[in-house]
PDB file of N, CA and C in Angstrom:
ATOM      1  N   MET A   1       0.853  -1.181   0.000  1.00  0.00           N
ATOM      2  CA  MET A   1       0.000   0.000   0.000  1.00  0.00           C
ATOM      3  C   MET A   1       0.897   1.242   0.000  1.00  0.00           C
ATOM      4  N   PRO A   2       0.594   2.213  -0.840  1.00  0.00           N
ATOM      5  CA  PRO A   2       1.424   3.420  -0.907  1.00  0.00           C
ATOM      6  C   PRO A   2       1.373   4.204   0.408  1.00  0.00           C
ATOM      7  N   LEU A   3       2.459   4.892   0.687  1.00  0.00           N
ATOM      8  CA  LEU A   3       2.500   5.730   1.883  1.00  0.00           C
ATOM      9  C   LEU A   3       1.634   6.965   1.675  1.00  0.00           C
ATOM     10  N   PRO A   4       0.977   7.440   2.740  1.00  0.00           N
ATOM     11  CA  PRO A   4       0.167   8.649   2.604  1.00  0.00           C
ATOM     12  C   PRO A   4       1.043   9.866   2.312  1.00  0.00           C
ATOM     13  N   ILE A   5       0.484  10.796   1.592  1.00  0.00           N
ATOM     14  CA  ILE A   5       1.162  12.053   1.273  1.00  0.00           C
ATOM     15  C   ILE A   5       0.771  13.056   2.359  1.00  0.00           C
ATOM     16  N   THR A   6       1.748  13.585   3.076  1.00  0.00           N
ATOM     17  CA  THR A   6       1.458  14.487   4.191  1.00  0.00           C
ATOM     18  C   THR A   6       1.792  15.947   3.894  1.00  0.00           C
ATOM     19  N   ASP A   7       2.420  16.203   2.750  1.00  0.00           N
ATOM     20  CA  ASP A   7       2.753  17.575   2.372  1.00  0.00           C
ATOM     21  C   ASP A   7       2.590  17.713   0.861  1.00  0.00           C
ATOM     22  N   ILE A   8       1.960  18.793   0.448  1.00  0.00           N
ATOM     23  CA  ILE A   8       1.691  18.989  -0.979  1.00  0.00           C
ATOM     24  C   ILE A   8       2.976  19.006  -1.807  1.00  0.00           C
ATOM     25  N   SER A   9       4.089  19.358  -1.185  1.00  0.00           N
ATOM     26  CA  SER A   9       5.368  19.391  -1.909  1.00  0.00           C
ATOM     27  C   SER A   9       5.827  17.995  -2.335  1.00  0.00           C
ATOM     28  N   GLN A  10       5.210  16.943  -1.791  1.00  0.00           N
ATOM     29  CA  GLN A  10       5.545  15.575  -2.184  1.00  0.00           C
ATOM     30  C   GLN A  10       4.928  15.198  -3.536  1.00  0.00           C
ATOM     31  N   LEU A  11       4.034  16.034  -4.035  1.00  0.00           N
ATOM     32  CA  LEU A  11       3.348  15.752  -5.292  1.00  0.00           C
ATOM     33  C   LEU A  11       4.040  16.445  -6.457  1.00  0.00           C
ATOM     34  N   ASP A  12       4.013  15.794  -7.602  1.00  0.00           N
ATOM     35  CA  ASP A  12       4.543  16.366  -8.836  1.00  0.00           C
ATOM     36  C   ASP A  12       3.386  17.055  -9.555  1.00  0.00           C
ATOM     37  N   VAL A  13       3.431  18.373  -9.667  1.00  0.00           N
ATOM     38  CA  VAL A  13       2.326  19.116 -10.280  1.00  0.00           C
ATOM     39  C   VAL A  13       2.144  18.786 -11.758  1.00  0.00           C
ATOM     40  N   ASN A  14       3.133  18.157 -12.376  1.00  0.00           N
ATOM     41  CA  ASN A  14       3.019  17.766 -13.783  1.00  0.00           C
ATOM     42  C   ASN A  14       2.425  16.371 -13.954  1.00  0.00           C
ATOM     43  N   GLU A  15       2.241  15.674 -12.855  1.00  0.00           N
ATOM     44  CA  GLU A  15       1.698  14.312 -12.872  1.00  0.00           C
ATOM     45  C   GLU A  15       0.175  14.365 -13.006  1.00  0.00           C
ATOM     46  N   SER A  16      -0.418  13.243 -13.398  1.00  0.00           N
ATOM     47  CA  SER A  16      -1.867  13.114 -13.467  1.00  0.00           C
ATOM     48  C   SER A  16      -2.312  12.191 -12.333  1.00  0.00           C
ATOM     49  N   TYR A  17      -3.358  12.600 -11.608  1.00  0.00           N
ATOM     50  CA  TYR A  17      -3.804  11.870 -10.427  1.00  0.00           C
ATOM     51  C   TYR A  17      -5.262  11.441 -10.556  1.00  0.00           C
ATOM     52  N   THR A  18      -5.651  10.488  -9.702  1.00  0.00           N
ATOM     53  CA  THR A  18      -7.033   9.999  -9.655  1.00  0.00           C
ATOM     54  C   THR A  18      -7.612  10.266  -8.270  1.00  0.00           C
ATOM     55  N   TYR A  19      -8.907   9.998  -8.136  1.00  0.00           N
ATOM     56  CA  TYR A  19      -9.557  10.145  -6.835  1.00  0.00           C
ATOM     57  C   TYR A  19      -8.936   9.190  -5.820  1.00  0.00           C
ATOM     58  N   ALA A  20      -8.529   8.008  -6.268  1.00  0.00           N
ATOM     59  CA  ALA A  20      -7.865   7.051  -5.369  1.00  0.00           C
ATOM     60  C   ALA A  20      -6.579   7.660  -4.806  1.00  0.00           C
ATOM     61  N   ASP A  21      -5.816   8.367  -5.636  1.00  0.00           N
ATOM     62  CA  ASP A  21      -4.617   9.066  -5.159  1.00  0.00           C
ATOM     63  C   ASP A  21      -5.011  10.145  -4.145  1.00  0.00           C
ATOM     64  N   TYR A  22      -6.003  10.915  -4.514  1.00  0.00           N
ATOM     65  CA  TYR A  22      -6.496  12.040  -3.713  1.00  0.00           C
ATOM     66  C   TYR A  22      -6.843  11.602  -2.289  1.00  0.00           C
ATOM     67  N   LEU A  23      -7.422  10.410  -2.175  1.00  0.00           N
ATOM     68  CA  LEU A  23      -7.820   9.906  -0.860  1.00  0.00           C
ATOM     69  C   LEU A  23      -6.633   9.619   0.053  1.00  0.00           C
ATOM     70  N   LEU A  24      -5.451   9.455  -0.518  1.00  0.00           N
ATOM     71  CA  LEU A  24      -4.249   9.191   0.280  1.00  0.00           C
ATOM     72  C   LEU A  24      -3.596  10.469   0.809  1.00  0.00           C
ATOM     73  N   TRP A  25      -4.004  11.607   0.297  1.00  0.00           N
ATOM     74  CA  TRP A  25      -3.367  12.861   0.668  1.00  0.00           C
ATOM     75  C   TRP A  25      -3.858  13.309   2.037  1.00  0.00           C
ATOM     76  N   GLN A  26      -2.924  13.569   2.925  1.00  0.00           N
ATOM     77  CA  GLN A  26      -3.266  13.930   4.304  1.00  0.00           C
ATOM     78  C   GLN A  26      -2.666  15.277   4.697  1.00  0.00           C
ATOM     79  N   PHE A  27      -2.767  16.242   3.819  1.00  0.00           N
ATOM     80  CA  PHE A  27      -2.271  17.577   4.149  1.00  0.00           C
ATOM     81  C   PHE A  27      -3.454  18.524   4.291  1.00  0.00           C
ATOM     82  N   GLU A  28      -3.203  19.652   4.936  1.00  0.00           N
ATOM     83  CA  GLU A  28      -4.269  20.609   5.252  1.00  0.00           C
ATOM     84  C   GLU A  28      -4.741  21.428   4.047  1.00  0.00           C
ATOM     85  N   GLU A  29      -3.858  21.685   3.113  1.00  0.00           N
ATOM     86  CA  GLU A  29      -4.198  22.539   1.973  1.00  0.00           C
ATOM     87  C   GLU A  29      -5.314  21.904   1.142  1.00  0.00           C
ATOM     88  N   ARG A  30      -6.316  22.717   0.789  1.00  0.00           N
ATOM     89  CA  ARG A  30      -7.414  22.215  -0.032  1.00  0.00           C
ATOM     90  C   ARG A  30      -7.019  22.280  -1.500  1.00  0.00           C
ATOM     91  N   VAL A  31      -7.295  21.184  -2.198  1.00  0.00           N
ATOM     92  CA  VAL A  31      -6.971  21.093  -3.620  1.00  0.00           C
ATOM     93  C   VAL A  31      -8.143  20.471  -4.365  1.00  0.00           C
ATOM     94  N   GLU A  32      -8.149  20.664  -5.663  1.00  0.00           N
ATOM     95  CA  GLU A  32      -9.102  20.007  -6.547  1.00  0.00           C
ATOM     96  C   GLU A  32      -8.316  19.328  -7.654  1.00  0.00           C
ATOM     97  N   LEU A  33      -8.935  18.312  -8.238  1.00  0.00           N
ATOM     98  CA  LEU A  33      -8.368  17.654  -9.416  1.00  0.00           C
ATOM     99  C   LEU A  33      -9.273  17.963 -10.590  1.00  0.00           C
ATOM    100  N   ILE A  34      -8.701  18.441 -11.662  1.00  0.00           N
ATOM    101  CA  ILE A  34      -9.446  18.680 -12.896  1.00  0.00           C
ATOM    102  C   ILE A  34      -8.755  17.860 -13.976  1.00  0.00           C
ATOM    103  N   ARG A  35      -9.449  16.825 -14.447  1.00  0.00           N
ATOM    104  CA  ARG A  35      -8.882  15.901 -15.441  1.00  0.00           C
ATOM    105  C   ARG A  35      -7.500  15.407 -15.021  1.00  0.00           C
ATOM    106  N   GLY A  36      -7.382  15.095 -13.731  1.00  0.00           N
ATOM    107  CA  GLY A  36      -6.150  14.525 -13.204  1.00  0.00           C
ATOM    108  C   GLY A  36      -5.099  15.524 -12.780  1.00  0.00           C
ATOM    109  N   LYS A  37      -5.289  16.788 -13.122  1.00  0.00           N
ATOM    110  CA  LYS A  37      -4.299  17.814 -12.775  1.00  0.00           C
ATOM    111  C   LYS A  37      -4.655  18.465 -11.439  1.00  0.00           C
ATOM    112  N   LEU A  38      -3.646  18.723 -10.656  1.00  0.00           N
ATOM    113  CA  LEU A  38      -3.784  19.280  -9.319  1.00  0.00           C
ATOM    114  C   LEU A  38      -3.916  20.803  -9.367  1.00  0.00           C
ATOM    115  N   PHE A  39      -4.926  21.326  -8.678  1.00  0.00           N
ATOM    116  CA  PHE A  39      -5.122  22.770  -8.565  1.00  0.00           C
ATOM    117  C   PHE A  39      -5.308  23.129  -7.102  1.00  0.00           C
ATOM    118  N   ARG A  40      -4.494  24.060  -6.633  1.00  0.00           N
ATOM    119  CA  ARG A  40      -4.655  24.557  -5.269  1.00  0.00           C
ATOM    120  C   ARG A  40      -5.887  25.454  -5.223  1.00  0.00           C
ATOM    121  N   MET A  41      -6.641  25.320  -4.162  1.00  0.00           N
ATOM    122  CA  MET A  41      -7.814  26.174  -3.989  1.00  0.00           C
ATOM    123  C   MET A  41      -7.403  27.449  -3.264  1.00  0.00           C
ATOM    124  N   SER A  42      -8.187  28.485  -3.451  1.00  0.00           N
ATOM    125  CA  SER A  42      -7.888  29.742  -2.771  1.00  0.00           C
ATOM    126  C   SER A  42      -8.092  29.564  -1.269  1.00  0.00           C
ATOM    127  N   PRO A  43      -7.484  30.445  -0.487  1.00  0.00           N
ATOM    128  CA  PRO A  43      -7.650  30.348   0.963  1.00  0.00           C
ATOM    129  C   PRO A  43      -9.108  30.547   1.371  1.00  0.00           C
ATOM    130  N   ALA A  44      -9.362  30.488   2.646  1.00  0.00           N
ATOM    131  CA  ALA A  44     -10.731  30.620   3.159  1.00  0.00           C
ATOM    132  C   ALA A  44     -11.424  31.833   2.550  1.00  0.00           C
ATOM    133  N   PRO A  45     -12.692  31.665   2.160  1.00  0.00           N
ATOM    134  CA  PRO A  45     -13.424  32.770   1.543  1.00  0.00           C
ATOM    135  C   PRO A  45     -13.649  33.926   2.522  1.00  0.00           C
ATOM    136  N   ASN A  46     -13.769  35.127   1.960  1.00  0.00           N
ATOM    137  CA  ASN A  46     -13.984  36.305   2.799  1.00  0.00           C
ATOM    138  C   ASN A  46     -15.441  36.387   3.262  1.00  0.00           C
ATOM    139  N   THR A  47     -15.724  37.364   4.092  1.00  0.00           N
ATOM    140  CA  THR A  47     -17.054  37.516   4.682  1.00  0.00           C
ATOM    141  C   THR A  47     -18.130  37.705   3.617  1.00  0.00           C
ATOM    142  N   ARG A  48     -17.867  38.521   2.628  1.00  0.00           N
ATOM    143  CA  ARG A  48     -18.856  38.769   1.558  1.00  0.00           C
ATOM    144  C   ARG A  48     -19.186  37.468   0.830  1.00  0.00           C
ATOM    145  N   HIS A  49     -18.163  36.718   0.502  1.00  0.00           N
ATOM    146  CA  HIS A  49     -18.350  35.433  -0.174  1.00  0.00           C
ATOM    147  C   HIS A  49     -19.223  34.511   0.687  1.00  0.00           C
ATOM    148  N   GLN A  50     -18.944  34.457   1.977  1.00  0.00           N
ATOM    149  CA  GLN A  50     -19.710  33.597   2.885  1.00  0.00           C
ATOM    150  C   GLN A  50     -21.171  34.030   2.956  1.00  0.00           C
ATOM    151  N   ARG A  51     -21.415  35.336   3.002  1.00  0.00           N
ATOM    152  CA  ARG A  51     -22.803  35.828   3.045  1.00  0.00           C
ATOM    153  C   ARG A  51     -23.562  35.428   1.780  1.00  0.00           C
ATOM    154  N   ILE A  52     -22.921  35.589   0.634  1.00  0.00           N
ATOM    155  CA  ILE A  52     -23.562  35.233  -0.638  1.00  0.00           C
ATOM    156  C   ILE A  52     -23.844  33.734  -0.682  1.00  0.00           C
ATOM    157  N   SER A  53     -22.882  32.935  -0.279  1.00  0.00           N
ATOM    158  CA  SER A  53     -23.055  31.484  -0.274  1.00  0.00           C
ATOM    159  C   SER A  53     -24.202  31.076   0.652  1.00  0.00           C
ATOM    160  N   HIS A  54     -24.262  31.693   1.815  1.00  0.00           N
ATOM    161  CA  HIS A  54     -25.330  31.393   2.774  1.00  0.00           C
ATOM    162  C   HIS A  54     -26.688  31.762   2.184  1.00  0.00           C
ATOM    163  N   GLU A  55     -26.791  32.935   1.563  1.00  0.00           N
ATOM    164  CA  GLU A  55     -28.056  33.370   0.962  1.00  0.00           C
ATOM    165  C   GLU A  55     -28.471  32.436  -0.175  1.00  0.00           C
ATOM    166  N   LEU A  56     -27.520  32.024  -1.002  1.00  0.00           N
ATOM    167  CA  LEU A  56     -27.832  31.073  -2.077  1.00  0.00           C
ATOM    168  C   LEU A  56     -28.353  29.755  -1.509  1.00  0.00           C
ATOM    169  N   ALA A  57     -27.712  29.265  -0.458  1.00  0.00           N
ATOM    170  CA  ALA A  57     -28.156  28.015   0.173  1.00  0.00           C
ATOM    171  C   ALA A  57     -29.572  28.175   0.713  1.00  0.00           C
ATOM    172  N   PHE A  58     -29.856  29.318   1.328  1.00  0.00           N
ATOM    173  CA  PHE A  58     -31.187  29.586   1.866  1.00  0.00           C
ATOM    174  C   PHE A  58     -32.232  29.603   0.745  1.00  0.00           C
ATOM    175  N   GLN A  59     -31.936  30.313  -0.348  1.00  0.00           N
ATOM    176  CA  GLN A  59     -32.873  30.391  -1.467  1.00  0.00           C
ATOM    177  C   GLN A  59     -33.074  29.023  -2.123  1.00  0.00           C
ATOM    178  N   LEU A  60     -31.999  28.271  -2.254  1.00  0.00           N
ATOM    179  CA  LEU A  60     -32.116  26.913  -2.802  1.00  0.00           C
ATOM    180  C   LEU A  60     -32.981  26.039  -1.907  1.00  0.00           C
ATOM    181  N   GLU A  61     -32.797  26.168  -0.603  1.00  0.00           N
ATOM    182  CA  GLU A  61     -33.600  25.402   0.357  1.00  0.00           C
ATOM    183  C   GLU A  61     -35.082  25.715   0.182  1.00  0.00           C
ATOM    184  N   LEU A  62     -35.425  26.985   0.045  1.00  0.00           N
ATOM    185  CA  LEU A  62     -36.820  27.377  -0.177  1.00  0.00           C
ATOM    186  C   LEU A  62     -37.350  26.791  -1.484  1.00  0.00           C
ATOM    187  N   PHE A  63     -36.566  26.899  -2.533  1.00  0.00           N
ATOM    188  CA  PHE A  63     -36.976  26.420  -3.851  1.00  0.00           C
ATOM    189  C   PHE A  63     -37.153  24.900  -3.875  1.00  0.00           C
ATOM    190  N   LEU A  64     -36.283  24.192  -3.182  1.00  0.00           N
ATOM    191  CA  LEU A  64     -36.276  22.723  -3.225  1.00  0.00           C
ATOM    192  C   LEU A  64     -37.038  22.076  -2.075  1.00  0.00           C
ATOM    193  N   ARG A  65     -37.741  22.874  -1.297  1.00  0.00           N
ATOM    194  CA  ARG A  65     -38.389  22.390  -0.076  1.00  0.00           C
ATOM    195  C   ARG A  65     -39.173  21.093  -0.267  1.00  0.00           C
ATOM    196  N   LYS A  66     -39.913  20.954  -1.336  1.00  0.00           N
ATOM    197  CA  LYS A  66     -40.748  19.759  -1.534  1.00  0.00           C
ATOM    198  C   LYS A  66     -40.110  18.751  -2.480  1.00  0.00           C
ATOM    199  N   GLN A  67     -38.843  18.911  -2.718  1.00  0.00           N
ATOM    200  CA  GLN A  67     -38.109  18.000  -3.601  1.00  0.00           C
ATOM    201  C   GLN A  67     -37.243  17.062  -2.755  1.00  0.00           C
ATOM    202  N   PRO A  68     -36.892  15.905  -3.306  1.00  0.00           N
ATOM    203  CA  PRO A  68     -36.043  14.966  -2.555  1.00  0.00           C
ATOM    204  C   PRO A  68     -34.557  15.320  -2.686  1.00  0.00           C
ATOM    205  N   CYS A  69     -34.249  16.585  -2.537  1.00  0.00           N
ATOM    206  CA  CYS A  69     -32.879  17.061  -2.752  1.00  0.00           C
ATOM    207  C   CYS A  69     -32.242  17.484  -1.433  1.00  0.00           C
ATOM    208  N   GLN A  70     -30.914  17.421  -1.410  1.00  0.00           N
ATOM    209  CA  GLN A  70     -30.144  17.883  -0.262  1.00  0.00           C
ATOM    210  C   GLN A  70     -29.115  18.891  -0.749  1.00  0.00           C
ATOM    211  N   ILE A  71     -28.837  19.873   0.100  1.00  0.00           N
ATOM    212  CA  ILE A  71     -27.836  20.890  -0.210  1.00  0.00           C
ATOM    213  C   ILE A  71     -26.634  20.656   0.692  1.00  0.00           C
ATOM    214  N   PHE A  72     -25.457  20.652   0.091  1.00  0.00           N
ATOM    215  CA  PHE A  72     -24.222  20.467   0.844  1.00  0.00           C
ATOM    216  C   PHE A  72     -23.321  21.673   0.611  1.00  0.00           C
ATOM    217  N   SER A  73     -22.592  22.043   1.653  1.00  0.00           N
ATOM    218  CA  SER A  73     -21.633  23.153   1.576  1.00  0.00           C
ATOM    219  C   SER A  73     -20.217  22.613   1.607  1.00  0.00           C
ATOM    220  N   ALA A  74     -19.300  23.366   1.022  1.00  0.00           N
ATOM    221  CA  ALA A  74     -17.883  22.985   1.031  1.00  0.00           C
ATOM    222  C   ALA A  74     -17.368  22.981   2.469  1.00  0.00           C
ATOM    223  N   PRO A  75     -16.411  22.143   2.773  1.00  0.00           N
ATOM    224  CA  PRO A  75     -15.773  21.202   1.851  1.00  0.00           C
ATOM    225  C   PRO A  75     -16.607  19.934   1.691  1.00  0.00           C
ATOM    226  N   PHE A  76     -16.876  19.577   0.466  1.00  0.00           N
ATOM    227  CA  PHE A  76     -17.661  18.396   0.117  1.00  0.00           C
ATOM    228  C   PHE A  76     -17.157  17.944  -1.246  1.00  0.00           C
ATOM    229  N   ASP A  77     -16.549  16.769  -1.299  1.00  0.00           N
ATOM    230  CA  ASP A  77     -15.977  16.284  -2.561  1.00  0.00           C
ATOM    231  C   ASP A  77     -17.064  15.905  -3.559  1.00  0.00           C
ATOM    232  N   VAL A  78     -16.951  16.428  -4.751  1.00  0.00           N
ATOM    233  CA  VAL A  78     -17.848  16.081  -5.853  1.00  0.00           C
ATOM    234  C   VAL A  78     -16.990  15.465  -6.947  1.00  0.00           C
ATOM    235  N   ARG A  79     -17.246  14.200  -7.228  1.00  0.00           N
ATOM    236  CA  ARG A  79     -16.501  13.505  -8.282  1.00  0.00           C
ATOM    237  C   ARG A  79     -17.288  13.578  -9.575  1.00  0.00           C
ATOM    238  N   LEU A  80     -16.605  13.896 -10.644  1.00  0.00           N
ATOM    239  CA  LEU A  80     -17.225  13.970 -11.963  1.00  0.00           C
ATOM    240  C   LEU A  80     -16.585  12.894 -12.830  1.00  0.00           C
ATOM    241  N   PRO A  81     -17.190  11.709 -12.853  1.00  0.00           N
ATOM    242  CA  PRO A  81     -16.574  10.585 -13.564  1.00  0.00           C
ATOM    243  C   PRO A  81     -16.615  10.747 -15.076  1.00  0.00           C
ATOM    244  N   VAL A  82     -15.571  10.250 -15.722  1.00  0.00           N
ATOM    245  CA  VAL A  82     -15.543  10.211 -17.182  1.00  0.00           C
ATOM    246  C   VAL A  82     -15.676   8.775 -17.674  1.00  0.00           C
ATOM    247  N   SER A  83     -15.590   7.832 -16.738  1.00  0.00           N
ATOM    248  CA  SER A  83     -15.816   6.428 -17.091  1.00  0.00           C
ATOM    249  C   SER A  83     -16.501   5.754 -15.917  1.00  0.00           C
ATOM    250  N   LYS A  84     -17.007   4.565 -16.144  1.00  0.00           N
ATOM    251  CA  LYS A  84     -17.709   3.836 -15.091  1.00  0.00           C
ATOM    252  C   LYS A  84     -16.761   3.005 -14.232  1.00  0.00           C
ATOM    253  N   ARG A  85     -15.470   3.026 -14.562  1.00  0.00           N
ATOM    254  CA  ARG A  85     -14.494   2.242 -13.807  1.00  0.00           C
ATOM    255  C   ARG A  85     -14.263   2.880 -12.446  1.00  0.00           C
ATOM    256  N   LYS A  86     -14.597   2.161 -11.410  1.00  0.00           N
ATOM    257  CA  LYS A  86     -14.454   2.666 -10.046  1.00  0.00           C
ATOM    258  C   LYS A  86     -12.987   2.954  -9.726  1.00  0.00           C
ATOM    259  N   GLY A  87     -12.741   4.084  -9.075  1.00  0.00           N
ATOM    260  CA  GLY A  87     -11.385   4.449  -8.689  1.00  0.00           C
ATOM    261  C   GLY A  87     -10.609   5.176  -9.762  1.00  0.00           C
ATOM    262  N   HIS A  88     -11.221   5.381 -10.924  1.00  0.00           N
ATOM    263  CA  HIS A  88     -10.514   6.042 -12.021  1.00  0.00           C
ATOM    264  C   HIS A  88     -11.005   7.475 -12.265  1.00  0.00           C
ATOM    265  N   ASP A  89     -11.798   7.995 -11.336  1.00  0.00           N
ATOM    266  CA  ASP A  89     -12.246   9.379 -11.468  1.00  0.00           C
ATOM    267  C   ASP A  89     -11.029  10.298 -11.416  1.00  0.00           C
ATOM    268  N   THR A  90     -10.980  11.253 -12.313  1.00  0.00           N
ATOM    269  CA  THR A  90      -9.838  12.170 -12.349  1.00  0.00           C
ATOM    270  C   THR A  90     -10.244  13.620 -12.114  1.00  0.00           C
ATOM    271  N   THR A  91     -11.533  13.852 -11.864  1.00  0.00           N
ATOM    272  CA  THR A  91     -11.981  15.198 -11.541  1.00  0.00           C
ATOM    273  C   THR A  91     -12.726  15.167 -10.213  1.00  0.00           C
ATOM    274  N   VAL A  92     -12.183  15.899  -9.253  1.00  0.00           N
ATOM    275  CA  VAL A  92     -12.767  16.007  -7.918  1.00  0.00           C
ATOM    276  C   VAL A  92     -12.738  17.484  -7.552  1.00  0.00           C
ATOM    277  N   VAL A  93     -13.912  18.062  -7.348  1.00  0.00           N
ATOM    278  CA  VAL A  93     -13.998  19.483  -7.027  1.00  0.00           C
ATOM    279  C   VAL A  93     -14.726  19.669  -5.698  1.00  0.00           C
ATOM    280  N   GLN A  94     -14.601  20.860  -5.139  1.00  0.00           N
ATOM    281  CA  GLN A  94     -15.288  21.213  -3.902  1.00  0.00           C
ATOM    282  C   GLN A  94     -16.021  22.538  -4.117  1.00  0.00           C
ATOM    283  N   PRO A  95     -17.195  22.464  -4.751  1.00  0.00           N
ATOM    284  CA  PRO A  95     -17.937  23.705  -4.989  1.00  0.00           C
ATOM    285  C   PRO A  95     -18.430  24.298  -3.670  1.00  0.00           C
ATOM    286  N   ASP A  96     -18.717  25.580  -3.685  1.00  0.00           N
ATOM    287  CA  ASP A  96     -19.240  26.222  -2.474  1.00  0.00           C
ATOM    288  C   ASP A  96     -20.537  25.559  -2.039  1.00  0.00           C
ATOM    289  N   LEU A  97     -21.398  25.285  -3.003  1.00  0.00           N
ATOM    290  CA  LEU A  97     -22.672  24.617  -2.740  1.00  0.00           C
ATOM    291  C   LEU A  97     -22.878  23.512  -3.756  1.00  0.00           C
ATOM    292  N   CYS A  98     -23.562  22.473  -3.318  1.00  0.00           N
ATOM    293  CA  CYS A  98     -23.847  21.347  -4.201  1.00  0.00           C
ATOM    294  C   CYS A  98     -25.246  20.842  -3.880  1.00  0.00           C
ATOM    295  N   VAL A  99     -26.064  20.632  -4.898  1.00  0.00           N
ATOM    296  CA  VAL A  99     -27.407  20.093  -4.717  1.00  0.00           C
ATOM    297  C   VAL A  99     -27.418  18.675  -5.265  1.00  0.00           C
ATOM    298  N   ILE A 100     -27.814  17.741  -4.416  1.00  0.00           N
ATOM    299  CA  ILE A 100     -27.911  16.336  -4.811  1.00  0.00           C
ATOM    300  C   ILE A 100     -29.373  15.914  -4.692  1.00  0.00           C
ATOM    301  N   CYS A 101     -29.958  15.487  -5.803  1.00  0.00           N
ATOM    302  CA  CYS A 101     -31.355  15.055  -5.809  1.00  0.00           C
ATOM    303  C   CYS A 101     -31.486  13.543  -5.964  1.00  0.00           C
ATOM    304  N   ASP A 102     -30.409  12.865  -6.245  1.00  0.00           N
ATOM    305  CA  ASP A 102     -30.405  11.411  -6.396  1.00  0.00           C
ATOM    306  C   ASP A 102     -29.562  10.814  -5.271  1.00  0.00           C
ATOM    307  N   PRO A 103     -30.201  10.211  -4.245  1.00  0.00           N
ATOM    308  CA  PRO A 103     -29.452   9.652  -3.119  1.00  0.00           C
ATOM    309  C   PRO A 103     -28.414   8.613  -3.549  1.00  0.00           C
ATOM    310  N   GLY A 104     -28.600   8.002  -4.707  1.00  0.00           N
ATOM    311  CA  GLY A 104     -27.644   7.029  -5.220  1.00  0.00           C
ATOM    312  C   GLY A 104     -26.307   7.653  -5.600  1.00  0.00           C
ATOM    313  N   LYS A 105     -26.261   8.969  -5.691  1.00  0.00           N
ATOM    314  CA  LYS A 105     -25.019   9.671  -6.037  1.00  0.00           C
ATOM    315  C   LYS A 105     -24.142   9.949  -4.814  1.00  0.00           C
ATOM    316  N   LEU A 106     -24.672   9.684  -3.620  1.00  0.00           N
ATOM    317  CA  LEU A 106     -23.917   9.926  -2.390  1.00  0.00           C
ATOM    318  C   LEU A 106     -23.188   8.668  -1.960  1.00  0.00           C
ATOM    319  N   ASP A 107     -21.998   8.841  -1.397  1.00  0.00           N
ATOM    320  CA  ASP A 107     -21.242   7.704  -0.854  1.00  0.00           C
ATOM    321  C   ASP A 107     -21.826   7.311   0.488  1.00  0.00           C
TER     322      ASP A 107
END
């Protein structure tokens, strides 16, 4: 079993990674994978950003009240598969808000 990655400097930014790789990373810095490429996320959002995100979540909650949907806030991993092969996802993002209406899409 590969050793866990504890510092982002242990990663090669020119390498291509999968969600399986991502799960081994044990460092504090938030990152996303886009088609296997590593992207550092910006630091914690400012107050204005947080207010807007909160208001959007509130409005979505009102709109979806009678729907079988759930709203999740970051950090929440969203995998965007390009194939059905488990463990080969190469895009993992952490949007500010995510609406899931199909419980089968949750781990």
